[in-house]
Amino acid sequence: MFTEFPSPWLVPTDGTFDLSSFPTEPPGDAVSKKQYKKRLKKLVKRFAELQDVLYAYDRFALLVVFQAMDAAGKDSTIRAVMSGVNPAGFQVYSFKQPSSNELDHDFLWRTAKSLPQRGRIGVFNRSYYEEVLVVRVHSGILKFQRLPYVDESTVWEERFESIRTHEEHLARNGTVVVKFFLNVSKDQQKRRFLRRIDLPEKNWKFSKSDVEERGYWRDYMHAYQEAVGATSKPWAPWYCIPADDKPFARLAVAETIVNTLEKLPLEYPTVPKEKAAELKVMRGELEKE
């Protein structure tokens, strides 16, 4: 059931996570961007091979969760890393403000109904973790969630416990959960925001609220510190990826996913003797044509 593997970006699973000790920039011995692209291409190809076996084996599902501050590169990372997968066995869901119907259910409901089937890969671009991140930073949101009671001194730990239990249940039933926090610096976010303003084709990605949320940076970092540290477990590990350099982040994410899948006991199904004999007969029929 355990899916973690040794990595410099693995968040400790014993509750000792310290966000400040994880860099936002690549290590000093990082390779060139050209080498990044070459290595990423190989990993994307390997990912596609593993997806094929995952689909055929039909015993495991892969859920990849992305959380980050705005402009950390979630969309582009998903696009780059998933570029080689078969769309027939893959889906991406983005979770924004809950609908009225979703607020009439528990906070895990809307994501639970979007989980990948066995044999498939699902990506959550934001997720149920929003309920312990943006809702914690803007705790007034709780008043509109139609909850029967709320105790702000315990609600966050209660939600952490719900998430841990939920993810452990998924792992027991064959869903491999891998979570990525794309760790971007405030300075790099500013540069990317300015680029979105300066480039007309990027204007649509920018809104006034993006700048307003920067004012809560410390609150968000505290929320990430608490949420990631409390929910990184061997069966659903978090990886805190340096995200100031997008090519490096994409490579680190791809390596983590491929290494995770390679640890699984995946294999192509073997057909029964009767089916094998039938295939042999069919081969003979085709050769006679």
C-alpha atoms as a PDB file:
ATOM      1  CA  MET A   1       0.000   0.000   0.000  1.00  0.00           C
ATOM      2  CA  PHE A   2       2.919   2.367   0.582  1.00  0.00           C
ATOM      3  CA  THR A   3       3.847   4.421  -2.499  1.00  0.00           C
ATOM      4  CA  GLU A   4       6.497   6.840  -1.273  1.00  0.00           C
ATOM      5  CA  PHE A   5      10.022   6.547  -2.649  1.00  0.00           C
ATOM      6  CA  PRO A   6      13.271   8.259  -1.610  1.00  0.00           C
ATOM      7  CA  SER A   7      13.401  11.761  -3.044  1.00  0.00           C
ATOM      8  CA  PRO A   8      14.878  15.084  -1.939  1.00  0.00           C
ATOM      9  CA  TRP A   9      11.393  16.541  -2.423  1.00  0.00           C
ATOM     10  CA  LEU A  10       9.524  13.979  -0.318  1.00  0.00           C
ATOM     11  CA  VAL A  11       7.737  15.639   2.577  1.00  0.00           C
ATOM     12  CA  PRO A  12       8.416  13.792   5.852  1.00  0.00           C
ATOM     13  CA  THR A  13       5.586  11.426   6.735  1.00  0.00           C
ATOM     14  CA  ASP A  14       6.114  11.727  10.479  1.00  0.00           C
ATOM     15  CA  GLY A  15       4.675  15.228  10.881  1.00  0.00           C
ATOM     16  CA  THR A  16       8.021  17.057  11.016  1.00  0.00           C
ATOM     17  CA  PHE A  17       7.583  19.015   7.774  1.00  0.00           C
ATOM     18  CA  ASP A  18       9.245  22.447   7.705  1.00  0.00           C
ATOM     19  CA  LEU A  19       8.290  24.349   4.566  1.00  0.00           C
ATOM     20  CA  SER A  20      11.106  26.857   5.023  1.00  0.00           C
ATOM     21  CA  SER A  21      13.675  24.071   4.596  1.00  0.00           C
ATOM     22  CA  PHE A  22      12.413  23.242   1.097  1.00  0.00           C
ATOM     23  CA  PRO A  23      13.826  25.440  -1.693  1.00  0.00           C
ATOM     24  CA  THR A  24      11.837  27.146  -4.420  1.00  0.00           C
ATOM     25  CA  GLU A  25      14.812  27.063  -6.815  1.00  0.00           C
ATOM     26  CA  PRO A  26      16.575  24.020  -8.346  1.00  0.00           C
ATOM     27  CA  PRO A  27      19.778  22.757  -6.718  1.00  0.00           C
ATOM     28  CA  GLY A  28      23.054  24.301  -7.871  1.00  0.00           C
ATOM     29  CA  ASP A  29      24.093  21.181  -9.788  1.00  0.00           C
ATOM     30  CA  ALA A  30      20.911  21.122 -11.888  1.00  0.00           C
ATOM     31  CA  VAL A  31      21.295  20.332 -15.587  1.00  0.00           C
ATOM     32  CA  SER A  32      20.678  22.700 -18.504  1.00  0.00           C
ATOM     33  CA  LYS A  33      17.220  23.347 -19.944  1.00  0.00           C
ATOM     34  CA  LYS A  34      18.174  21.395 -23.064  1.00  0.00           C
ATOM     35  CA  GLN A  35      19.025  18.384 -20.922  1.00  0.00           C
ATOM     36  CA  TYR A  36      15.792  18.836 -18.974  1.00  0.00           C
ATOM     37  CA  LYS A  37      13.798  18.549 -22.190  1.00  0.00           C
ATOM     38  CA  LYS A  38      15.716  15.473 -23.301  1.00  0.00           C
ATOM     39  CA  ARG A  39      15.202  13.716 -19.973  1.00  0.00           C
ATOM     40  CA  LEU A  40      11.564  14.768 -19.790  1.00  0.00           C
ATOM     41  CA  LYS A  41      10.930  13.322 -23.247  1.00  0.00           C
ATOM     42  CA  LYS A  42      12.267   9.943 -22.092  1.00  0.00           C
ATOM     43  CA  LEU A  43      10.179  10.053 -18.935  1.00  0.00           C
ATOM     44  CA  VAL A  44       7.022  10.959 -20.845  1.00  0.00           C
ATOM     45  CA  LYS A  45       7.620   7.949 -23.101  1.00  0.00           C
ATOM     46  CA  ARG A  46       8.156   5.673 -20.090  1.00  0.00           C
ATOM     47  CA  PHE A  47       5.036   7.091 -18.442  1.00  0.00           C
ATOM     48  CA  ALA A  48       3.016   6.175 -21.538  1.00  0.00           C
ATOM     49  CA  GLU A  49       4.371   2.613 -21.416  1.00  0.00           C
ATOM     50  CA  LEU A  50       3.449   2.264 -17.759  1.00  0.00           C
ATOM     51  CA  GLN A  51      -0.001   3.701 -18.378  1.00  0.00           C
ATOM     52  CA  ASP A  52      -0.615   0.992 -20.962  1.00  0.00           C
ATOM     53  CA  VAL A  53       0.186  -1.745 -18.432  1.00  0.00           C
ATOM     54  CA  LEU A  54      -1.813   0.041 -15.707  1.00  0.00           C
ATOM     55  CA  TYR A  55      -4.852   0.102 -17.999  1.00  0.00           C
ATOM     56  CA  ALA A  56      -4.493  -3.533 -19.056  1.00  0.00           C
ATOM     57  CA  TYR A  57      -3.820  -4.815 -15.512  1.00  0.00           C
ATOM     58  CA  ASP A  58      -6.928  -3.008 -14.218  1.00  0.00           C
ATOM     59  CA  ARG A  59      -6.131  -3.381 -10.518  1.00  0.00           C
ATOM     60  CA  PHE A  60      -4.741   0.044  -9.623  1.00  0.00           C
ATOM     61  CA  ALA A  61      -5.751   3.638 -10.324  1.00  0.00           C
ATOM     62  CA  LEU A  62      -3.403   6.624 -10.120  1.00  0.00           C
ATOM     63  CA  LEU A  63      -4.554   9.905  -8.580  1.00  0.00           C
ATOM     64  CA  VAL A  64      -2.184  12.859  -8.968  1.00  0.00           C
ATOM     65  CA  VAL A  65      -3.026  15.928  -6.878  1.00  0.00           C
ATOM     66  CA  PHE A  66      -1.590  19.373  -7.599  1.00  0.00           C
ATOM     67  CA  GLN A  67      -1.762  22.274  -5.144  1.00  0.00           C
ATOM     68  CA  ALA A  68       0.071  25.579  -5.386  1.00  0.00           C
ATOM     69  CA  MET A  69      -0.154  29.313  -5.228  1.00  0.00           C
ATOM     70  CA  ASP A  70      -1.319  31.086  -8.396  1.00  0.00           C
ATOM     71  CA  ALA A  71       1.233  31.154 -11.247  1.00  0.00           C
ATOM     72  CA  ALA A  72       3.221  28.252  -9.797  1.00  0.00           C
ATOM     73  CA  GLY A  73       2.859  26.343 -13.072  1.00  0.00           C
ATOM     74  CA  LYS A  74       0.194  23.711 -12.370  1.00  0.00           C
ATOM     75  CA  ASP A  75      -1.437  23.860 -15.806  1.00  0.00           C
ATOM     76  CA  SER A  76       1.802  23.829 -17.783  1.00  0.00           C
ATOM     77  CA  THR A  77       3.244  21.027 -15.651  1.00  0.00           C
ATOM     78  CA  ILE A  78       0.170  18.869 -16.174  1.00  0.00           C
ATOM     79  CA  ARG A  79       0.274  19.591 -19.899  1.00  0.00           C
ATOM     80  CA  ALA A  80       3.974  18.748 -20.224  1.00  0.00           C
ATOM     81  CA  VAL A  81       4.097  15.645 -18.019  1.00  0.00           C
ATOM     82  CA  MET A  82       0.854  14.143 -19.318  1.00  0.00           C
ATOM     83  CA  SER A  83       1.569  14.902 -22.977  1.00  0.00           C
ATOM     84  CA  GLY A  84       2.208  11.250 -23.881  1.00  0.00           C
ATOM     85  CA  VAL A  85      -0.610   9.524 -22.016  1.00  0.00           C
ATOM     86  CA  ASN A  86      -3.577   7.968 -23.774  1.00  0.00           C
ATOM     87  CA  PRO A  87      -6.619  10.266 -23.328  1.00  0.00           C
ATOM     88  CA  ALA A  88      -8.871   7.197 -23.196  1.00  0.00           C
ATOM     89  CA  GLY A  89      -7.483   6.319 -19.777  1.00  0.00           C
ATOM     90  CA  PHE A  90      -6.905   9.776 -18.358  1.00  0.00           C
ATOM     91  CA  GLN A  91      -8.891  12.711 -17.025  1.00  0.00           C
ATOM     92  CA  VAL A  92      -8.198  16.098 -15.396  1.00  0.00           C
ATOM     93  CA  TYR A  93     -10.542  17.841 -12.999  1.00  0.00           C
ATOM     94  CA  SER A  94     -10.161  21.427 -11.801  1.00  0.00           C
ATOM     95  CA  PHE A  95     -11.963  22.347  -8.593  1.00  0.00           C
ATOM     96  CA  LYS A  96     -12.926  25.949  -8.032  1.00  0.00           C
ATOM     97  CA  GLN A  97     -15.644  27.524  -5.872  1.00  0.00           C
ATOM     98  CA  PRO A  98     -18.160  24.844  -4.744  1.00  0.00           C
ATOM     99  CA  SER A  99     -21.624  24.905  -6.284  1.00  0.00           C
ATOM    100  CA  SER A 100     -24.818  25.046  -4.223  1.00  0.00           C
ATOM    101  CA  ASN A 101     -25.303  21.320  -4.757  1.00  0.00           C
ATOM    102  CA  GLU A 102     -21.738  20.577  -3.632  1.00  0.00           C
ATOM    103  CA  LEU A 103     -22.227  22.631  -0.471  1.00  0.00           C
ATOM    104  CA  ASP A 104     -25.137  20.337   0.410  1.00  0.00           C
ATOM    105  CA  HIS A 105     -22.635  17.479   0.809  1.00  0.00           C
ATOM    106  CA  ASP A 106     -19.518  16.927   2.912  1.00  0.00           C
ATOM    107  CA  PHE A 107     -16.354  18.605   1.622  1.00  0.00           C
ATOM    108  CA  LEU A 108     -14.928  15.377   0.164  1.00  0.00           C
ATOM    109  CA  TRP A 109     -18.004  14.517  -1.894  1.00  0.00           C
ATOM    110  CA  ARG A 110     -17.364  16.572  -5.010  1.00  0.00           C
ATOM    111  CA  THR A 111     -13.879  15.149  -5.486  1.00  0.00           C
ATOM    112  CA  ALA A 112     -14.825  11.597  -4.472  1.00  0.00           C
ATOM    113  CA  LYS A 113     -17.273  11.362  -7.366  1.00  0.00           C
ATOM    114  CA  SER A 114     -14.470  12.341  -9.750  1.00  0.00           C
ATOM    115  CA  LEU A 115     -11.937   9.723  -8.657  1.00  0.00           C
ATOM    116  CA  PRO A 116     -10.314   7.638 -11.421  1.00  0.00           C
ATOM    117  CA  GLN A 117     -11.519   4.104 -12.072  1.00  0.00           C
ATOM    118  CA  ARG A 118      -9.098   1.187 -11.791  1.00  0.00           C
ATOM    119  CA  GLY A 119      -6.783   1.197 -14.760  1.00  0.00           C
ATOM    120  CA  ARG A 120      -7.096   4.936 -15.236  1.00  0.00           C
ATOM    121  CA  ILE A 121      -5.143   8.066 -14.291  1.00  0.00           C
ATOM    122  CA  GLY A 122      -6.874  11.037 -12.681  1.00  0.00           C
ATOM    123  CA  VAL A 123      -5.404  14.483 -12.068  1.00  0.00           C
ATOM    124  CA  PHE A 124      -6.856  16.969  -9.602  1.00  0.00           C
ATOM    125  CA  ASN A 125      -5.839  20.542 -10.405  1.00  0.00           C
ATOM    126  CA  ARG A 126      -6.598  21.796  -6.908  1.00  0.00           C
ATOM    127  CA  SER A 127      -8.657  19.451  -4.773  1.00  0.00           C
ATOM    128  CA  TYR A 128     -10.291  18.831  -1.417  1.00  0.00           C
ATOM    129  CA  TYR A 129      -7.180  20.472   0.052  1.00  0.00           C
ATOM    130  CA  GLU A 130      -8.732  23.844  -0.809  1.00  0.00           C
ATOM    131  CA  GLU A 131     -10.911  23.233   2.243  1.00  0.00           C
ATOM    132  CA  VAL A 132      -7.883  23.488   4.540  1.00  0.00           C
ATOM    133  CA  LEU A 133      -6.047  26.126   2.506  1.00  0.00           C
ATOM    134  CA  VAL A 134      -8.134  28.935   0.996  1.00  0.00           C
ATOM    135  CA  VAL A 135     -10.983  28.249   3.436  1.00  0.00           C
ATOM    136  CA  ARG A 136      -8.539  28.444   6.340  1.00  0.00           C
ATOM    137  CA  VAL A 137      -7.003  31.693   5.101  1.00  0.00           C
ATOM    138  CA  HIS A 138     -10.497  33.121   4.542  1.00  0.00           C
ATOM    139  CA  SER A 139     -12.242  31.393   7.431  1.00  0.00           C
ATOM    140  CA  GLY A 140     -15.370  33.491   6.938  1.00  0.00           C
ATOM    141  CA  ILE A 141     -16.203  31.072   4.109  1.00  0.00           C
ATOM    142  CA  LEU A 142     -17.127  28.496   6.770  1.00  0.00           C
ATOM    143  CA  LYS A 143     -20.243  30.523   7.595  1.00  0.00           C
ATOM    144  CA  PHE A 144     -21.614  29.808   4.122  1.00  0.00           C
ATOM    145  CA  GLN A 145     -20.888  26.076   4.055  1.00  0.00           C
ATOM    146  CA  ARG A 146     -24.170  25.063   5.732  1.00  0.00           C
ATOM    147  CA  LEU A 147     -22.368  23.145   8.456  1.00  0.00           C
ATOM    148  CA  PRO A 148     -24.416  22.146  11.516  1.00  0.00           C
ATOM    149  CA  TYR A 149     -21.666  23.384  13.834  1.00  0.00           C
ATOM    150  CA  VAL A 150     -18.160  24.834  13.502  1.00  0.00           C
ATOM    151  CA  ASP A 151     -15.446  25.080  16.110  1.00  0.00           C
ATOM    152  CA  GLU A 152     -12.514  26.917  14.537  1.00  0.00           C
ATOM    153  CA  SER A 153     -10.199  25.628  17.269  1.00  0.00           C
ATOM    154  CA  THR A 154     -10.677  22.041  16.041  1.00  0.00           C
ATOM    155  CA  VAL A 155     -12.131  22.188  12.514  1.00  0.00           C
ATOM    156  CA  TRP A 156      -8.790  22.112  10.683  1.00  0.00           C
ATOM    157  CA  GLU A 157      -7.411  19.124  12.567  1.00  0.00           C
ATOM    158  CA  GLU A 158     -10.772  17.382  12.066  1.00  0.00           C
ATOM    159  CA  ARG A 159     -10.504  17.976   8.332  1.00  0.00           C
ATOM    160  CA  PHE A 160      -6.908  16.740   8.296  1.00  0.00           C
ATOM    161  CA  GLU A 161      -8.114  13.554   9.965  1.00  0.00           C
ATOM    162  CA  SER A 162     -10.910  13.174   7.407  1.00  0.00           C
ATOM    163  CA  ILE A 163      -8.405  13.605   4.568  1.00  0.00           C
ATOM    164  CA  ARG A 164      -5.934  11.117   6.037  1.00  0.00           C
ATOM    165  CA  THR A 165      -8.665   8.528   6.520  1.00  0.00           C
ATOM    166  CA  HIS A 166     -10.057   9.165   3.034  1.00  0.00           C
ATOM    167  CA  GLU A 167      -6.670   8.750   1.362  1.00  0.00           C
ATOM    168  CA  GLU A 168      -5.838   5.633   3.363  1.00  0.00           C
ATOM    169  CA  HIS A 169      -9.159   4.130   2.277  1.00  0.00           C
ATOM    170  CA  LEU A 170      -8.329   4.917  -1.353  1.00  0.00           C
ATOM    171  CA  ALA A 171      -4.887   3.332  -1.010  1.00  0.00           C
ATOM    172  CA  ARG A 172      -6.326   0.156   0.533  1.00  0.00           C
ATOM    173  CA  ASN A 173      -8.598  -0.185  -2.480  1.00  0.00           C
ATOM    174  CA  GLY A 174      -5.982   0.276  -5.168  1.00  0.00           C
ATOM    175  CA  THR A 175      -5.885   4.025  -5.792  1.00  0.00           C
ATOM    176  CA  VAL A 176      -2.282   5.219  -5.690  1.00  0.00           C
ATOM    177  CA  VAL A 177      -2.277   8.814  -4.408  1.00  0.00           C
ATOM    178  CA  VAL A 178       0.655  11.102  -5.249  1.00  0.00           C
ATOM    179  CA  LYS A 179       0.483  14.771  -4.236  1.00  0.00           C
ATOM    180  CA  PHE A 180       2.568  17.695  -5.451  1.00  0.00           C
ATOM    181  CA  PHE A 181       2.950  21.101  -3.861  1.00  0.00           C
ATOM    182  CA  LEU A 182       4.602  23.324  -6.475  1.00  0.00           C
ATOM    183  CA  ASN A 183       6.663  25.554  -4.221  1.00  0.00           C
ATOM    184  CA  VAL A 184       7.003  28.930  -5.943  1.00  0.00           C
ATOM    185  CA  SER A 185       8.527  32.010  -4.317  1.00  0.00           C
ATOM    186  CA  LYS A 186       6.663  35.273  -3.902  1.00  0.00           C
ATOM    187  CA  ASP A 187       9.215  37.075  -6.098  1.00  0.00           C
ATOM    188  CA  GLN A 188       8.835  34.558  -8.913  1.00  0.00           C
ATOM    189  CA  GLN A 189       5.061  34.775  -8.687  1.00  0.00           C
ATOM    190  CA  LYS A 190       5.351  38.555  -9.097  1.00  0.00           C
ATOM    191  CA  ARG A 191       7.474  38.144 -12.240  1.00  0.00           C
ATOM    192  CA  ARG A 192       4.962  35.737 -13.731  1.00  0.00           C
ATOM    193  CA  PHE A 193       2.056  38.043 -12.889  1.00  0.00           C
ATOM    194  CA  LEU A 194       3.831  40.943 -14.611  1.00  0.00           C
ATOM    195  CA  ARG A 195       4.347  38.758 -17.674  1.00  0.00           C
ATOM    196  CA  ARG A 196       0.638  37.936 -17.745  1.00  0.00           C
ATOM    197  CA  ILE A 197      -0.111  41.662 -17.737  1.00  0.00           C
ATOM    198  CA  ASP A 198       2.508  42.536 -20.376  1.00  0.00           C
ATOM    199  CA  LEU A 199       1.591  39.788 -22.864  1.00  0.00           C
ATOM    200  CA  PRO A 200      -1.867  40.256 -24.453  1.00  0.00           C
ATOM    201  CA  GLU A 201      -2.252  36.498 -24.963  1.00  0.00           C
ATOM    202  CA  LYS A 202      -1.755  36.011 -21.225  1.00  0.00           C
ATOM    203  CA  ASN A 203      -4.142  38.758 -20.030  1.00  0.00           C
ATOM    204  CA  TRP A 204      -7.054  36.351 -19.689  1.00  0.00           C
ATOM    205  CA  LYS A 205      -5.153  34.421 -17.006  1.00  0.00           C
ATOM    206  CA  PHE A 206      -4.868  37.432 -14.709  1.00  0.00           C
ATOM    207  CA  SER A 207      -7.424  39.007 -12.392  1.00  0.00           C
ATOM    208  CA  LYS A 208      -7.474  41.627  -9.659  1.00  0.00           C
ATOM    209  CA  SER A 209      -8.006  38.917  -7.049  1.00  0.00           C
ATOM    210  CA  ASP A 210      -4.595  37.419  -7.923  1.00  0.00           C
ATOM    211  CA  VAL A 211      -2.877  40.504  -6.506  1.00  0.00           C
ATOM    212  CA  GLU A 212      -5.252  40.685  -3.550  1.00  0.00           C
ATOM    213  CA  GLU A 213      -4.409  37.112  -2.555  1.00  0.00           C
ATOM    214  CA  ARG A 214      -0.687  37.989  -2.456  1.00  0.00           C
ATOM    215  CA  GLY A 215      -1.508  40.046   0.617  1.00  0.00           C
ATOM    216  CA  TYR A 216      -2.245  36.788   2.426  1.00  0.00           C
ATOM    217  CA  TRP A 217       1.039  35.117   1.460  1.00  0.00           C
ATOM    218  CA  ARG A 218       2.154  34.407   5.035  1.00  0.00           C
ATOM    219  CA  ASP A 219      -1.260  33.023   5.914  1.00  0.00           C
ATOM    220  CA  TYR A 220      -1.139  30.711   2.904  1.00  0.00           C
ATOM    221  CA  MET A 221       2.352  29.504   3.744  1.00  0.00           C
ATOM    222  CA  HIS A 222       1.181  28.710   7.273  1.00  0.00           C
ATOM    223  CA  ALA A 223      -1.851  26.865   5.892  1.00  0.00           C
ATOM    224  CA  TYR A 224       0.344  24.836   3.505  1.00  0.00           C
ATOM    225  CA  GLN A 225       2.803  24.090   6.295  1.00  0.00           C
ATOM    226  CA  GLU A 226       0.033  22.701   8.474  1.00  0.00           C
ATOM    227  CA  ALA A 227      -1.959  20.867   5.784  1.00  0.00           C
ATOM    228  CA  VAL A 228       0.953  19.277   3.922  1.00  0.00           C
ATOM    229  CA  GLY A 229       2.733  18.284   7.124  1.00  0.00           C
ATOM    230  CA  ALA A 230      -0.385  16.725   8.631  1.00  0.00           C
ATOM    231  CA  THR A 231      -1.383  14.710   5.555  1.00  0.00           C
ATOM    232  CA  SER A 232       1.881  13.443   4.041  1.00  0.00           C
ATOM    233  CA  LYS A 233       1.707   9.731   4.784  1.00  0.00           C
ATOM    234  CA  PRO A 234       3.436   6.670   3.297  1.00  0.00           C
ATOM    235  CA  TRP A 235       0.216   5.726   1.473  1.00  0.00           C
ATOM    236  CA  ALA A 236      -0.382   9.263   0.154  1.00  0.00           C
ATOM    237  CA  PRO A 237       2.910  11.209   0.191  1.00  0.00           C
ATOM    238  CA  TRP A 238       3.406  14.863  -0.617  1.00  0.00           C
ATOM    239  CA  TYR A 239       6.341  16.078  -2.716  1.00  0.00           C
ATOM    240  CA  CYS A 240       7.358  19.721  -2.293  1.00  0.00           C
ATOM    241  CA  ILE A 241       8.736  20.596  -5.737  1.00  0.00           C
ATOM    242  CA  PRO A 242      10.906  23.689  -6.376  1.00  0.00           C
ATOM    243  CA  ALA A 243       8.764  25.613  -8.862  1.00  0.00           C
ATOM    244  CA  ASP A 244      10.687  28.812  -9.639  1.00  0.00           C
ATOM    245  CA  ASP A 245      12.128  27.001 -12.670  1.00  0.00           C
ATOM    246  CA  LYS A 246       9.351  25.369 -14.687  1.00  0.00           C
ATOM    247  CA  PRO A 247      11.476  22.875 -16.683  1.00  0.00           C
ATOM    248  CA  PHE A 248      13.010  21.569 -13.460  1.00  0.00           C
ATOM    249  CA  ALA A 249       9.600  21.268 -11.793  1.00  0.00           C
ATOM    250  CA  ARG A 250       8.182  19.318 -14.730  1.00  0.00           C
ATOM    251  CA  LEU A 251      11.115  16.927 -14.693  1.00  0.00           C
ATOM    252  CA  ALA A 252      10.847  16.381 -10.923  1.00  0.00           C
ATOM    253  CA  VAL A 253       7.125  15.660 -11.178  1.00  0.00           C
ATOM    254  CA  ALA A 254       7.603  13.256 -14.096  1.00  0.00           C
ATOM    255  CA  GLU A 255      10.394  11.382 -12.287  1.00  0.00           C
ATOM    256  CA  THR A 256       8.252  11.020  -9.184  1.00  0.00           C
ATOM    257  CA  ILE A 257       5.249   9.657 -11.084  1.00  0.00           C
ATOM    258  CA  VAL A 258       7.309   7.209 -13.145  1.00  0.00           C
ATOM    259  CA  ASN A 259       9.197   5.960 -10.079  1.00  0.00           C
ATOM    260  CA  THR A 260       5.911   5.513  -8.230  1.00  0.00           C
ATOM    261  CA  LEU A 261       4.357   3.468 -11.043  1.00  0.00           C
ATOM    262  CA  GLU A 262       7.491   1.361 -11.464  1.00  0.00           C
ATOM    263  CA  LYS A 263       7.156   0.247  -7.844  1.00  0.00           C
ATOM    264  CA  LEU A 264       3.730  -1.255  -8.489  1.00  0.00           C
ATOM    265  CA  PRO A 265       3.378  -4.967  -9.373  1.00  0.00           C
ATOM    266  CA  LEU A 266       2.007  -4.164 -12.829  1.00  0.00           C
ATOM    267  CA  GLU A 267       1.851  -6.785 -15.557  1.00  0.00           C
ATOM    268  CA  TYR A 268      -0.105  -7.540 -18.677  1.00  0.00           C
ATOM    269  CA  PRO A 269      -2.879 -10.097 -18.048  1.00  0.00           C
ATOM    270  CA  THR A 270      -2.179 -13.681 -19.184  1.00  0.00           C
ATOM    271  CA  VAL A 271      -5.001 -15.383 -21.053  1.00  0.00           C
ATOM    272  CA  PRO A 272      -6.382 -18.806 -20.031  1.00  0.00           C
ATOM    273  CA  LYS A 273      -5.203 -21.900 -21.939  1.00  0.00           C
ATOM    274  CA  GLU A 274      -8.513 -22.085 -23.789  1.00  0.00           C
ATOM    275  CA  LYS A 275      -8.146 -18.495 -24.978  1.00  0.00           C
ATOM    276  CA  ALA A 276      -4.514 -19.080 -25.987  1.00  0.00           C
ATOM    277  CA  ALA A 277      -5.579 -22.112 -28.051  1.00  0.00           C
ATOM    278  CA  GLU A 278      -8.321 -20.027 -29.672  1.00  0.00           C
ATOM    279  CA  LEU A 279      -5.801 -17.323 -30.588  1.00  0.00           C
ATOM    280  CA  LYS A 280      -3.596 -19.949 -32.197  1.00  0.00           C
ATOM    281  CA  VAL A 281      -6.524 -21.151 -34.317  1.00  0.00           C
ATOM    282  CA  MET A 282      -7.382 -17.592 -35.312  1.00  0.00           C
ATOM    283  CA  ARG A 283      -3.774 -16.961 -36.314  1.00  0.00           C
ATOM    284  CA  GLY A 284      -3.927 -19.976 -38.591  1.00  0.00           C
ATOM    285  CA  GLU A 285      -7.162 -18.731 -40.145  1.00  0.00           C
ATOM    286  CA  LEU A 286      -5.658 -15.335 -40.828  1.00  0.00           C
ATOM    287  CA  GLU A 287      -2.517 -16.836 -42.379  1.00  0.00           C
ATOM    288  CA  LYS A 288      -4.663 -18.857 -44.831  1.00  0.00           C
ATOM    289  CA  GLU A 289      -6.189 -15.693 -46.313  1.00  0.00           C
END
